[in-house]
Amino acid sequence: MDAALARAWVSAVAASVAAQTELLTQLDAAIGDSDHGVNLNRGFTAVLAVLDGPETPGEVFAVTGRTLVSKVGGASGPLYGSLFRALGKALGTASTVDAPEVAAGLRAGLDAVRKLGGAAPGDKTMVDAYEPAVVAFEKAAADGLAAAARAAADAAAAGMRATVDLRARKGRASYLGERSIGHQDPGATSTWLVFEALASVTA
């Protein structure tokens, strides 16, 4: 992965979030504040305006993370911002990175998200899609970036779907108790969009 591919990934995430804003909003309306889609779309729209400058993958993701933190309200800005900043930091200043290096960066992003949000698998959050995606990416990294990205996207999709049957234990949805069961988590859904975008640009 070079800077051009990193920009392509982030741009694909932005396009996917824009296309799915209404879905994310509907999911969040059921168990949250109804703002997940709008907030993420605002943030990634802002990111698109600053993507031309960075010259390394790490810098692309660091800029993405900083922009999301500054532009996105609610919980999603700090969480996704921390994810991308940790990914960028892990990749450093290398002009190109391979799949195992990206895997390590994604793992650093997961650690940052879990530290910030305090969520664990089973809490009905973005972690339920992100953690299995990282594990799948790591396992497939030796097969190259495209294979790892596809495996991660598939694992994220499965994790996303599994949140329907979970009771929320973190975030606004946790206030609903048993009533949160039966709804797909919006954060897990946007996390799937992120990994599906990576699979699309590396295929």
N, C-alpha and C. Protein backbone atom coordinates (compact mmCIF):
# COMPACT_ATOMS: atom_id res chain seq x y z
N MET A 1 0.84 -1.19 0.00
CA MET A 1 0.00 0.00 0.00
C MET A 1 0.88 1.24 0.00
N ASP A 2 0.63 2.12 -0.98
CA ASP A 2 1.30 3.41 -1.01
C ASP A 2 0.29 4.50 -0.67
N ALA A 3 0.73 5.75 -0.76
CA ALA A 3 -0.16 6.86 -0.39
C ALA A 3 -1.38 6.93 -1.29
N ALA A 4 -1.21 6.61 -2.57
CA ALA A 4 -2.33 6.67 -3.50
C ALA A 4 -3.41 5.66 -3.12
N LEU A 5 -2.98 4.46 -2.74
CA LEU A 5 -3.95 3.44 -2.34
C LEU A 5 -4.60 3.80 -1.01
N ALA A 6 -3.81 4.38 -0.12
CA ALA A 6 -4.37 4.83 1.16
C ALA A 6 -5.44 5.88 0.93
N ARG A 7 -5.16 6.83 0.04
CA ARG A 7 -6.16 7.86 -0.28
C ARG A 7 -7.39 7.24 -0.94
N ALA A 8 -7.16 6.24 -1.80
CA ALA A 8 -8.28 5.58 -2.46
C ALA A 8 -9.18 4.89 -1.44
N TRP A 9 -8.56 4.27 -0.43
CA TRP A 9 -9.35 3.61 0.62
C TRP A 9 -10.20 4.63 1.38
N VAL A 10 -9.57 5.69 1.85
CA VAL A 10 -10.31 6.68 2.62
C VAL A 10 -11.41 7.32 1.76
N SER A 11 -11.11 7.57 0.50
CA SER A 11 -12.12 8.14 -0.41
C SER A 11 -13.29 7.17 -0.61
N ALA A 12 -12.98 5.87 -0.69
CA ALA A 12 -14.03 4.87 -0.83
C ALA A 12 -14.89 4.79 0.43
N VAL A 13 -14.27 4.94 1.59
CA VAL A 13 -15.04 4.99 2.83
C VAL A 13 -15.98 6.19 2.81
N ALA A 14 -15.46 7.33 2.40
CA ALA A 14 -16.28 8.55 2.34
C ALA A 14 -17.47 8.36 1.42
N ALA A 15 -17.23 7.76 0.25
CA ALA A 15 -18.31 7.54 -0.71
C ALA A 15 -19.35 6.57 -0.15
N SER A 16 -18.88 5.53 0.53
CA SER A 16 -19.80 4.54 1.09
C SER A 16 -20.63 5.13 2.23
N VAL A 17 -19.98 5.91 3.09
CA VAL A 17 -20.71 6.56 4.18
C VAL A 17 -21.75 7.52 3.63
N ALA A 18 -21.38 8.26 2.57
CA ALA A 18 -22.33 9.18 1.96
C ALA A 18 -23.54 8.43 1.39
N ALA A 19 -23.27 7.30 0.75
CA ALA A 19 -24.35 6.52 0.15
C ALA A 19 -25.24 5.86 1.21
N GLN A 20 -24.65 5.56 2.37
CA GLN A 20 -25.38 4.82 3.41
C GLN A 20 -25.73 5.69 4.61
N THR A 21 -25.69 6.99 4.45
CA THR A 21 -25.99 7.89 5.57
C THR A 21 -27.38 7.62 6.13
N GLU A 22 -28.35 7.44 5.25
CA GLU A 22 -29.72 7.23 5.71
C GLU A 22 -29.85 5.91 6.48
N LEU A 23 -29.20 4.87 6.00
CA LEU A 23 -29.22 3.58 6.71
C LEU A 23 -28.62 3.72 8.09
N LEU A 24 -27.45 4.36 8.17
CA LEU A 24 -26.79 4.52 9.47
C LEU A 24 -27.65 5.36 10.41
N THR A 25 -28.32 6.35 9.87
CA THR A 25 -29.20 7.19 10.68
C THR A 25 -30.39 6.39 11.20
N GLN A 26 -30.97 5.56 10.33
CA GLN A 26 -32.11 4.74 10.74
C GLN A 26 -31.71 3.74 11.83
N LEU A 27 -30.55 3.12 11.68
CA LEU A 27 -30.08 2.18 12.70
C LEU A 27 -29.85 2.89 14.03
N ASP A 28 -29.28 4.10 13.95
CA ASP A 28 -28.99 4.85 15.16
C ASP A 28 -30.26 5.41 15.78
N ALA A 29 -31.27 5.66 14.98
CA ALA A 29 -32.54 6.17 15.52
C ALA A 29 -33.19 5.14 16.43
N ALA A 30 -32.96 3.86 16.15
CA ALA A 30 -33.59 2.80 16.93
C ALA A 30 -32.98 2.66 18.32
N ILE A 31 -31.65 2.88 18.42
CA ILE A 31 -30.99 2.61 19.71
C ILE A 31 -30.01 3.71 20.13
N GLY A 32 -29.98 4.82 19.39
CA GLY A 32 -29.01 5.87 19.71
C GLY A 32 -29.59 7.25 19.57
N ASP A 33 -28.75 8.17 19.04
CA ASP A 33 -29.13 9.59 18.95
C ASP A 33 -29.56 10.01 17.55
N SER A 34 -29.63 9.08 16.63
CA SER A 34 -30.05 9.36 15.24
C SER A 34 -29.05 10.20 14.46
N ASP A 35 -27.81 10.31 14.95
CA ASP A 35 -26.86 11.22 14.30
C ASP A 35 -25.63 10.53 13.72
N HIS A 36 -25.55 9.21 13.82
CA HIS A 36 -24.33 8.51 13.42
C HIS A 36 -24.02 8.72 11.94
N GLY A 37 -25.02 8.56 11.09
CA GLY A 37 -24.79 8.71 9.66
C GLY A 37 -24.42 10.13 9.28
N VAL A 38 -25.16 11.09 9.79
CA VAL A 38 -24.91 12.50 9.47
C VAL A 38 -23.53 12.94 9.96
N ASN A 39 -23.19 12.54 11.19
CA ASN A 39 -21.90 12.93 11.75
C ASN A 39 -20.74 12.34 10.96
N LEU A 40 -20.82 11.05 10.65
CA LEU A 40 -19.74 10.42 9.89
C LEU A 40 -19.62 11.00 8.50
N ASN A 41 -20.74 11.26 7.87
CA ASN A 41 -20.71 11.84 6.52
C ASN A 41 -20.05 13.22 6.56
N ARG A 42 -20.39 14.02 7.56
CA ARG A 42 -19.75 15.34 7.69
C ARG A 42 -18.24 15.19 7.87
N GLY A 43 -17.85 14.24 8.70
CA GLY A 43 -16.43 14.05 8.96
C GLY A 43 -15.65 13.59 7.74
N PHE A 44 -16.16 12.60 7.04
CA PHE A 44 -15.41 12.09 5.89
C PHE A 44 -15.47 13.06 4.70
N THR A 45 -16.52 13.87 4.63
CA THR A 45 -16.54 14.93 3.62
C THR A 45 -15.41 15.92 3.88
N ALA A 46 -15.19 16.24 5.15
CA ALA A 46 -14.08 17.13 5.52
C ALA A 46 -12.74 16.49 5.23
N VAL A 47 -12.65 15.18 5.44
CA VAL A 47 -11.40 14.47 5.18
C VAL A 47 -11.03 14.56 3.70
N LEU A 48 -12.01 14.43 2.82
CA LEU A 48 -11.73 14.48 1.39
C LEU A 48 -11.03 15.77 0.98
N ALA A 49 -11.28 16.84 1.72
CA ALA A 49 -10.70 18.14 1.38
C ALA A 49 -9.23 18.25 1.75
N VAL A 50 -8.72 17.32 2.55
CA VAL A 50 -7.34 17.43 3.02
C VAL A 50 -6.47 16.23 2.61
N LEU A 51 -6.96 15.40 1.71
CA LEU A 51 -6.25 14.18 1.35
C LEU A 51 -5.13 14.38 0.34
N ASP A 52 -5.08 15.51 -0.34
CA ASP A 52 -4.10 15.68 -1.40
C ASP A 52 -2.67 15.87 -0.89
N GLY A 53 -2.53 16.42 0.31
CA GLY A 53 -1.20 16.75 0.82
C GLY A 53 -0.34 15.59 1.28
N PRO A 54 -0.87 14.64 2.04
CA PRO A 54 -0.05 13.56 2.61
C PRO A 54 0.68 12.74 1.54
N GLU A 55 1.93 12.37 1.85
CA GLU A 55 2.77 11.67 0.86
C GLU A 55 3.11 10.24 1.24
N THR A 56 2.64 9.79 2.41
CA THR A 56 2.86 8.40 2.83
C THR A 56 1.54 7.85 3.36
N PRO A 57 1.38 6.53 3.37
CA PRO A 57 0.15 5.96 3.93
C PRO A 57 -0.08 6.38 5.38
N GLY A 58 0.99 6.36 6.18
CA GLY A 58 0.85 6.76 7.57
C GLY A 58 0.33 8.17 7.72
N GLU A 59 0.84 9.06 6.87
CA GLU A 59 0.41 10.46 6.93
C GLU A 59 -1.04 10.60 6.47
N VAL A 60 -1.43 9.85 5.46
CA VAL A 60 -2.83 9.87 5.01
C VAL A 60 -3.77 9.53 6.16
N PHE A 61 -3.44 8.47 6.88
CA PHE A 61 -4.32 8.03 7.96
C PHE A 61 -4.25 8.95 9.18
N ALA A 62 -3.08 9.52 9.44
CA ALA A 62 -2.95 10.46 10.55
C ALA A 62 -3.79 11.71 10.30
N VAL A 63 -3.74 12.22 9.08
CA VAL A 63 -4.54 13.39 8.72
C VAL A 63 -6.03 13.06 8.78
N THR A 64 -6.38 11.87 8.30
CA THR A 64 -7.77 11.43 8.38
C THR A 64 -8.25 11.42 9.82
N GLY A 65 -7.45 10.84 10.70
CA GLY A 65 -7.83 10.75 12.10
C GLY A 65 -7.98 12.10 12.76
N ARG A 66 -7.03 12.99 12.51
CA ARG A 66 -7.10 14.33 13.12
C ARG A 66 -8.32 15.08 12.64
N THR A 67 -8.64 14.94 11.38
CA THR A 67 -9.79 15.64 10.81
C THR A 67 -11.10 15.11 11.39
N LEU A 68 -11.20 13.80 11.53
CA LEU A 68 -12.42 13.22 12.10
C LEU A 68 -12.63 13.68 13.53
N VAL A 69 -11.57 13.73 14.31
CA VAL A 69 -11.69 14.17 15.70
C VAL A 69 -12.19 15.61 15.76
N SER A 70 -11.71 16.45 14.85
CA SER A 70 -12.05 17.88 14.91
C SER A 70 -13.40 18.21 14.28
N LYS A 71 -13.89 17.34 13.40
CA LYS A 71 -15.09 17.67 12.63
C LYS A 71 -16.33 16.87 13.00
N VAL A 72 -16.18 15.74 13.68
CA VAL A 72 -17.31 14.85 13.92
C VAL A 72 -17.77 14.95 15.37
N GLY A 73 -19.06 15.16 15.54
CA GLY A 73 -19.63 15.18 16.88
C GLY A 73 -19.95 13.79 17.37
N GLY A 74 -20.46 13.71 18.60
CA GLY A 74 -20.84 12.43 19.16
C GLY A 74 -19.64 11.56 19.46
N ALA A 75 -19.90 10.27 19.62
CA ALA A 75 -18.83 9.33 19.96
C ALA A 75 -18.01 8.91 18.75
N SER A 76 -18.61 8.97 17.56
CA SER A 76 -17.96 8.39 16.39
C SER A 76 -16.71 9.16 15.98
N GLY A 77 -16.67 10.47 16.18
CA GLY A 77 -15.49 11.25 15.81
C GLY A 77 -14.26 10.83 16.58
N PRO A 78 -14.31 10.85 17.91
CA PRO A 78 -13.16 10.40 18.69
C PRO A 78 -12.78 8.95 18.42
N LEU A 79 -13.77 8.07 18.25
CA LEU A 79 -13.47 6.66 18.06
C LEU A 79 -12.81 6.41 16.70
N TYR A 80 -13.43 6.88 15.63
CA TYR A 80 -12.83 6.68 14.31
C TYR A 80 -11.56 7.51 14.15
N GLY A 81 -11.54 8.68 14.77
CA GLY A 81 -10.33 9.49 14.73
C GLY A 81 -9.17 8.78 15.39
N SER A 82 -9.43 8.18 16.55
CA SER A 82 -8.38 7.44 17.26
C SER A 82 -7.93 6.23 16.46
N LEU A 83 -8.87 5.57 15.81
CA LEU A 83 -8.54 4.42 14.98
C LEU A 83 -7.55 4.81 13.89
N PHE A 84 -7.88 5.83 13.13
CA PHE A 84 -7.03 6.20 12.00
C PHE A 84 -5.71 6.83 12.46
N ARG A 85 -5.73 7.57 13.55
CA ARG A 85 -4.48 8.14 14.05
C ARG A 85 -3.54 7.04 14.52
N ALA A 86 -4.09 6.02 15.21
CA ALA A 86 -3.25 4.92 15.66
C ALA A 86 -2.71 4.12 14.47
N LEU A 87 -3.53 3.93 13.47
CA LEU A 87 -3.09 3.25 12.25
C LEU A 87 -1.96 4.03 11.59
N GLY A 88 -2.14 5.32 11.47
CA GLY A 88 -1.11 6.15 10.86
C GLY A 88 0.20 6.13 11.63
N LYS A 89 0.10 6.22 12.96
CA LYS A 89 1.30 6.21 13.80
C LYS A 89 2.04 4.89 13.66
N ALA A 90 1.29 3.79 13.62
CA ALA A 90 1.91 2.47 13.52
C ALA A 90 2.65 2.30 12.19
N LEU A 91 2.13 2.89 11.13
CA LEU A 91 2.76 2.74 9.81
C LEU A 91 3.97 3.65 9.64
N GLY A 92 4.06 4.68 10.47
CA GLY A 92 5.24 5.54 10.45
C GLY A 92 5.40 6.33 9.17
N THR A 93 6.65 6.46 8.71
CA THR A 93 6.96 7.33 7.57
C THR A 93 7.31 6.54 6.31
N ALA A 94 7.06 5.23 6.32
CA ALA A 94 7.38 4.41 5.15
C ALA A 94 6.53 4.83 3.96
N SER A 95 7.13 4.83 2.78
CA SER A 95 6.40 5.23 1.58
C SER A 95 5.46 4.14 1.09
N THR A 96 5.78 2.89 1.41
CA THR A 96 4.90 1.77 1.10
C THR A 96 4.90 0.81 2.28
N VAL A 97 3.77 0.15 2.49
CA VAL A 97 3.66 -0.83 3.58
C VAL A 97 3.00 -2.09 3.05
N ASP A 98 3.38 -3.24 3.62
CA ASP A 98 2.82 -4.50 3.16
C ASP A 98 1.66 -4.93 4.06
N ALA A 99 1.05 -6.05 3.72
CA ALA A 99 -0.14 -6.49 4.44
C ALA A 99 0.12 -6.75 5.92
N PRO A 100 1.23 -7.42 6.30
CA PRO A 100 1.49 -7.60 7.74
C PRO A 100 1.65 -6.28 8.48
N GLU A 101 2.23 -5.29 7.83
CA GLU A 101 2.38 -3.98 8.47
C GLU A 101 1.02 -3.29 8.62
N VAL A 102 0.17 -3.42 7.62
CA VAL A 102 -1.19 -2.89 7.73
C VAL A 102 -1.94 -3.61 8.84
N ALA A 103 -1.73 -4.92 8.95
CA ALA A 103 -2.38 -5.69 10.01
C ALA A 103 -1.99 -5.16 11.38
N ALA A 104 -0.70 -4.87 11.56
CA ALA A 104 -0.23 -4.33 12.84
C ALA A 104 -0.85 -2.96 13.10
N GLY A 105 -1.01 -2.16 12.04
CA GLY A 105 -1.64 -0.86 12.20
C GLY A 105 -3.11 -0.96 12.57
N LEU A 106 -3.80 -1.90 11.94
CA LEU A 106 -5.22 -2.11 12.27
C LEU A 106 -5.37 -2.61 13.71
N ARG A 107 -4.45 -3.44 14.16
CA ARG A 107 -4.46 -3.91 15.54
C ARG A 107 -4.24 -2.73 16.50
N ALA A 108 -3.34 -1.82 16.14
CA ALA A 108 -3.11 -0.63 16.96
C ALA A 108 -4.37 0.23 17.01
N GLY A 109 -5.08 0.30 15.89
CA GLY A 109 -6.33 1.04 15.85
C GLY A 109 -7.38 0.42 16.75
N LEU A 110 -7.46 -0.91 16.75
CA LEU A 110 -8.40 -1.60 17.63
C LEU A 110 -8.07 -1.32 19.09
N ASP A 111 -6.80 -1.38 19.43
CA ASP A 111 -6.39 -1.11 20.80
C ASP A 111 -6.80 0.30 21.22
N ALA A 112 -6.63 1.26 20.31
CA ALA A 112 -6.99 2.65 20.62
C ALA A 112 -8.49 2.80 20.83
N VAL A 113 -9.27 2.14 19.98
CA VAL A 113 -10.74 2.21 20.10
C VAL A 113 -11.20 1.58 21.42
N ARG A 114 -10.63 0.44 21.75
CA ARG A 114 -11.04 -0.25 22.98
C ARG A 114 -10.62 0.55 24.21
N LYS A 115 -9.46 1.17 24.16
CA LYS A 115 -9.00 1.97 25.29
C LYS A 115 -9.88 3.19 25.49
N LEU A 116 -10.25 3.84 24.40
CA LEU A 116 -11.07 5.06 24.48
C LEU A 116 -12.49 4.76 24.90
N GLY A 117 -13.10 3.75 24.27
CA GLY A 117 -14.51 3.48 24.51
C GLY A 117 -14.78 2.49 25.62
N GLY A 118 -13.76 1.72 26.01
CA GLY A 118 -13.94 0.73 27.06
C GLY A 118 -14.79 -0.46 26.66
N ALA A 119 -14.99 -0.64 25.35
CA ALA A 119 -15.87 -1.72 24.89
C ALA A 119 -15.08 -2.99 24.63
N ALA A 120 -15.76 -4.11 24.83
CA ALA A 120 -15.21 -5.42 24.55
C ALA A 120 -16.14 -6.14 23.58
N PRO A 121 -15.67 -7.21 22.95
CA PRO A 121 -16.56 -7.99 22.09
C PRO A 121 -17.79 -8.44 22.88
N GLY A 122 -18.96 -8.34 22.25
CA GLY A 122 -20.20 -8.71 22.91
C GLY A 122 -20.95 -7.55 23.53
N ASP A 123 -20.32 -6.34 23.52
CA ASP A 123 -20.97 -5.16 24.10
C ASP A 123 -21.91 -4.45 23.13
N LYS A 124 -22.00 -4.94 21.91
CA LYS A 124 -22.86 -4.34 20.88
C LYS A 124 -22.35 -2.95 20.50
N THR A 125 -21.11 -2.92 20.00
CA THR A 125 -20.49 -1.69 19.54
C THR A 125 -19.71 -1.99 18.26
N MET A 126 -18.99 -1.00 17.76
CA MET A 126 -18.16 -1.18 16.58
C MET A 126 -17.10 -2.26 16.79
N VAL A 127 -16.72 -2.51 18.05
CA VAL A 127 -15.71 -3.53 18.33
C VAL A 127 -16.17 -4.91 17.88
N ASP A 128 -17.47 -5.15 17.88
CA ASP A 128 -17.99 -6.46 17.47
C ASP A 128 -17.78 -6.73 15.99
N ALA A 129 -17.59 -5.70 15.20
CA ALA A 129 -17.22 -5.88 13.79
C ALA A 129 -15.72 -5.70 13.59
N TYR A 130 -15.12 -4.79 14.35
CA TYR A 130 -13.72 -4.44 14.13
C TYR A 130 -12.77 -5.55 14.60
N GLU A 131 -13.02 -6.11 15.78
CA GLU A 131 -12.09 -7.13 16.28
C GLU A 131 -12.03 -8.37 15.38
N PRO A 132 -13.16 -8.96 14.99
CA PRO A 132 -13.04 -10.11 14.08
C PRO A 132 -12.44 -9.75 12.73
N ALA A 133 -12.65 -8.52 12.28
CA ALA A 133 -12.04 -8.09 11.03
C ALA A 133 -10.52 -8.06 11.14
N VAL A 134 -10.02 -7.54 12.25
CA VAL A 134 -8.57 -7.50 12.46
C VAL A 134 -7.99 -8.91 12.55
N VAL A 135 -8.65 -9.78 13.28
CA VAL A 135 -8.17 -11.16 13.41
C VAL A 135 -8.13 -11.84 12.04
N ALA A 136 -9.17 -11.65 11.25
CA ALA A 136 -9.21 -12.25 9.91
C ALA A 136 -8.13 -11.67 9.02
N PHE A 137 -7.91 -10.36 9.12
CA PHE A 137 -6.87 -9.70 8.31
C PHE A 137 -5.50 -10.28 8.68
N GLU A 138 -5.25 -10.40 9.98
CA GLU A 138 -3.95 -10.94 10.43
C GLU A 138 -3.72 -12.35 9.90
N LYS A 139 -4.75 -13.17 9.97
CA LYS A 139 -4.60 -14.56 9.53
C LYS A 139 -4.34 -14.67 8.03
N ALA A 140 -4.89 -13.73 7.26
CA ALA A 140 -4.76 -13.79 5.80
C ALA A 140 -3.66 -12.88 5.26
N ALA A 141 -2.96 -12.17 6.12
CA ALA A 141 -1.98 -11.17 5.67
C ALA A 141 -0.89 -11.78 4.80
N ALA A 142 -0.51 -13.02 5.10
CA ALA A 142 0.55 -13.67 4.32
C ALA A 142 0.13 -13.89 2.87
N ASP A 143 -1.17 -13.87 2.62
CA ASP A 143 -1.67 -14.06 1.26
C ASP A 143 -1.77 -12.76 0.47
N GLY A 144 -1.39 -11.66 1.08
CA GLY A 144 -1.41 -10.38 0.39
C GLY A 144 -2.54 -9.47 0.83
N LEU A 145 -2.44 -8.21 0.44
CA LEU A 145 -3.37 -7.20 0.92
C LEU A 145 -4.80 -7.45 0.45
N ALA A 146 -4.98 -7.85 -0.80
CA ALA A 146 -6.33 -8.06 -1.33
C ALA A 146 -7.04 -9.18 -0.59
N ALA A 147 -6.35 -10.30 -0.39
CA ALA A 147 -6.95 -11.44 0.30
C ALA A 147 -7.26 -11.09 1.75
N ALA A 148 -6.35 -10.38 2.39
CA ALA A 148 -6.55 -10.01 3.79
C ALA A 148 -7.72 -9.05 3.94
N ALA A 149 -7.81 -8.10 3.01
CA ALA A 149 -8.90 -7.12 3.06
C ALA A 149 -10.26 -7.79 2.86
N ARG A 150 -10.31 -8.75 1.93
CA ARG A 150 -11.57 -9.45 1.69
C ARG A 150 -11.98 -10.28 2.91
N ALA A 151 -11.02 -10.95 3.50
CA ALA A 151 -11.31 -11.74 4.69
C ALA A 151 -11.79 -10.85 5.83
N ALA A 152 -11.17 -9.69 5.97
CA ALA A 152 -11.56 -8.76 7.03
C ALA A 152 -12.96 -8.23 6.80
N ALA A 153 -13.28 -7.89 5.56
CA ALA A 153 -14.62 -7.37 5.26
C ALA A 153 -15.69 -8.41 5.54
N ASP A 154 -15.42 -9.65 5.18
CA ASP A 154 -16.39 -10.72 5.44
C ASP A 154 -16.58 -10.94 6.94
N ALA A 155 -15.48 -10.88 7.69
CA ALA A 155 -15.57 -11.06 9.14
C ALA A 155 -16.30 -9.90 9.79
N ALA A 156 -16.06 -8.69 9.28
CA ALA A 156 -16.76 -7.51 9.81
C ALA A 156 -18.26 -7.63 9.56
N ALA A 157 -18.63 -8.13 8.39
CA ALA A 157 -20.05 -8.31 8.06
C ALA A 157 -20.71 -9.29 9.01
N ALA A 158 -20.02 -10.39 9.30
CA ALA A 158 -20.56 -11.38 10.22
C ALA A 158 -20.69 -10.81 11.63
N GLY A 159 -19.68 -10.06 12.05
CA GLY A 159 -19.74 -9.44 13.36
C GLY A 159 -20.85 -8.41 13.46
N MET A 160 -21.03 -7.65 12.40
CA MET A 160 -22.11 -6.66 12.33
C MET A 160 -23.47 -7.33 12.49
N ARG A 161 -23.70 -8.39 11.73
CA ARG A 161 -24.98 -9.09 11.80
C ARG A 161 -25.23 -9.69 13.18
N ALA A 162 -24.17 -10.13 13.82
CA ALA A 162 -24.29 -10.76 15.14
C ALA A 162 -24.73 -9.76 16.21
N THR A 163 -24.55 -8.47 15.97
CA THR A 163 -24.95 -7.49 16.99
C THR A 163 -26.47 -7.42 17.15
N VAL A 164 -27.21 -7.90 16.17
CA VAL A 164 -28.68 -7.85 16.26
C VAL A 164 -29.17 -8.54 17.53
N ASP A 165 -28.57 -9.66 17.85
CA ASP A 165 -29.04 -10.47 18.98
C ASP A 165 -28.41 -10.09 20.32
N LEU A 166 -27.51 -9.09 20.30
CA LEU A 166 -26.83 -8.70 21.53
C LEU A 166 -27.60 -7.64 22.31
N ARG A 167 -27.41 -7.65 23.61
CA ARG A 167 -27.90 -6.56 24.46
C ARG A 167 -26.75 -5.57 24.63
N ALA A 168 -27.02 -4.30 24.38
CA ALA A 168 -25.98 -3.28 24.45
C ALA A 168 -25.50 -3.08 25.89
N ARG A 169 -24.18 -3.05 26.05
CA ARG A 169 -23.60 -2.81 27.37
C ARG A 169 -22.74 -1.56 27.40
N LYS A 170 -22.60 -0.87 26.27
CA LYS A 170 -21.84 0.37 26.20
C LYS A 170 -22.60 1.37 25.35
N GLY A 171 -22.32 2.64 25.57
CA GLY A 171 -22.90 3.69 24.73
C GLY A 171 -24.36 3.98 25.06
N ARG A 172 -24.92 4.86 24.24
CA ARG A 172 -26.31 5.28 24.45
C ARG A 172 -27.28 4.11 24.42
N ALA A 173 -27.00 3.12 23.56
CA ALA A 173 -27.90 1.98 23.42
C ALA A 173 -28.01 1.18 24.72
N SER A 174 -26.99 1.25 25.58
CA SER A 174 -27.01 0.47 26.81
C SER A 174 -28.13 0.91 27.74
N TYR A 175 -28.59 2.17 27.59
CA TYR A 175 -29.68 2.66 28.44
C TYR A 175 -31.00 1.94 28.15
N LEU A 176 -31.09 1.32 26.97
CA LEU A 176 -32.34 0.66 26.58
C LEU A 176 -32.47 -0.74 27.18
N GLY A 177 -31.39 -1.27 27.69
CA GLY A 177 -31.45 -2.61 28.28
C GLY A 177 -31.88 -3.66 27.26
N GLU A 178 -32.88 -4.45 27.65
CA GLU A 178 -33.35 -5.54 26.79
C GLU A 178 -33.92 -5.02 25.47
N ARG A 179 -34.38 -3.77 25.46
CA ARG A 179 -34.97 -3.23 24.24
C ARG A 179 -33.94 -3.00 23.13
N SER A 180 -32.67 -3.06 23.49
CA SER A 180 -31.64 -2.91 22.45
C SER A 180 -31.48 -4.18 21.63
N ILE A 181 -31.98 -5.30 22.15
CA ILE A 181 -31.90 -6.56 21.42
C ILE A 181 -32.83 -6.50 20.21
N GLY A 182 -32.35 -7.03 19.09
CA GLY A 182 -33.16 -7.03 17.87
C GLY A 182 -32.81 -5.92 16.90
N HIS A 183 -31.82 -5.10 17.27
CA HIS A 183 -31.40 -3.99 16.41
C HIS A 183 -29.93 -4.14 16.06
N GLN A 184 -29.59 -3.88 14.81
CA GLN A 184 -28.20 -3.94 14.37
C GLN A 184 -27.48 -2.68 14.82
N ASP A 185 -26.29 -2.86 15.36
CA ASP A 185 -25.55 -1.72 15.88
C ASP A 185 -25.03 -0.82 14.75
N PRO A 186 -25.28 0.50 14.83
CA PRO A 186 -24.83 1.39 13.76
C PRO A 186 -23.31 1.50 13.66
N GLY A 187 -22.61 1.47 14.81
CA GLY A 187 -21.15 1.55 14.76
C GLY A 187 -20.53 0.32 14.12
N ALA A 188 -21.08 -0.85 14.42
CA ALA A 188 -20.61 -2.06 13.76
C ALA A 188 -20.87 -2.01 12.26
N THR A 189 -21.98 -1.37 11.90
CA THR A 189 -22.34 -1.25 10.47
C THR A 189 -21.36 -0.33 9.75
N SER A 190 -21.05 0.81 10.33
CA SER A 190 -20.09 1.71 9.68
C SER A 190 -18.69 1.09 9.66
N THR A 191 -18.36 0.27 10.65
CA THR A 191 -17.07 -0.42 10.64
C THR A 191 -17.01 -1.41 9.47
N TRP A 192 -18.11 -2.09 9.22
CA TRP A 192 -18.16 -2.98 8.05
C TRP A 192 -17.96 -2.17 6.77
N LEU A 193 -18.55 -0.99 6.68
CA LEU A 193 -18.36 -0.16 5.49
C LEU A 193 -16.89 0.18 5.29
N VAL A 194 -16.16 0.44 6.37
CA VAL A 194 -14.74 0.77 6.29
C VAL A 194 -13.95 -0.39 5.70
N PHE A 195 -14.21 -1.60 6.18
CA PHE A 195 -13.47 -2.75 5.68
C PHE A 195 -13.93 -3.17 4.28
N GLU A 196 -15.20 -3.00 3.99
CA GLU A 196 -15.67 -3.31 2.65
C GLU A 196 -15.06 -2.34 1.64
N ALA A 197 -14.86 -1.11 2.05
CA ALA A 197 -14.20 -0.14 1.17
C ALA A 197 -12.76 -0.55 0.88
N LEU A 198 -12.07 -1.04 1.92
CA LEU A 198 -10.69 -1.51 1.71
C LEU A 198 -10.66 -2.68 0.76
N ALA A 199 -11.60 -3.60 0.92
CA ALA A 199 -11.64 -4.75 0.01
C ALA A 199 -11.92 -4.30 -1.43
N SER A 200 -12.75 -3.28 -1.58
CA SER A 200 -13.11 -2.84 -2.92
C SER A 200 -11.94 -2.20 -3.66
N VAL A 201 -11.08 -1.47 -2.95
CA VAL A 201 -9.98 -0.76 -3.62
C VAL A 201 -8.74 -1.64 -3.79
N THR A 202 -8.70 -2.78 -3.11
CA THR A 202 -7.56 -3.66 -3.24
C THR A 202 -7.85 -4.89 -4.10
N ALA A 203 -9.11 -5.08 -4.48
CA ALA A 203 -9.48 -6.27 -5.26
C ALA A 203 -8.80 -6.29 -6.62
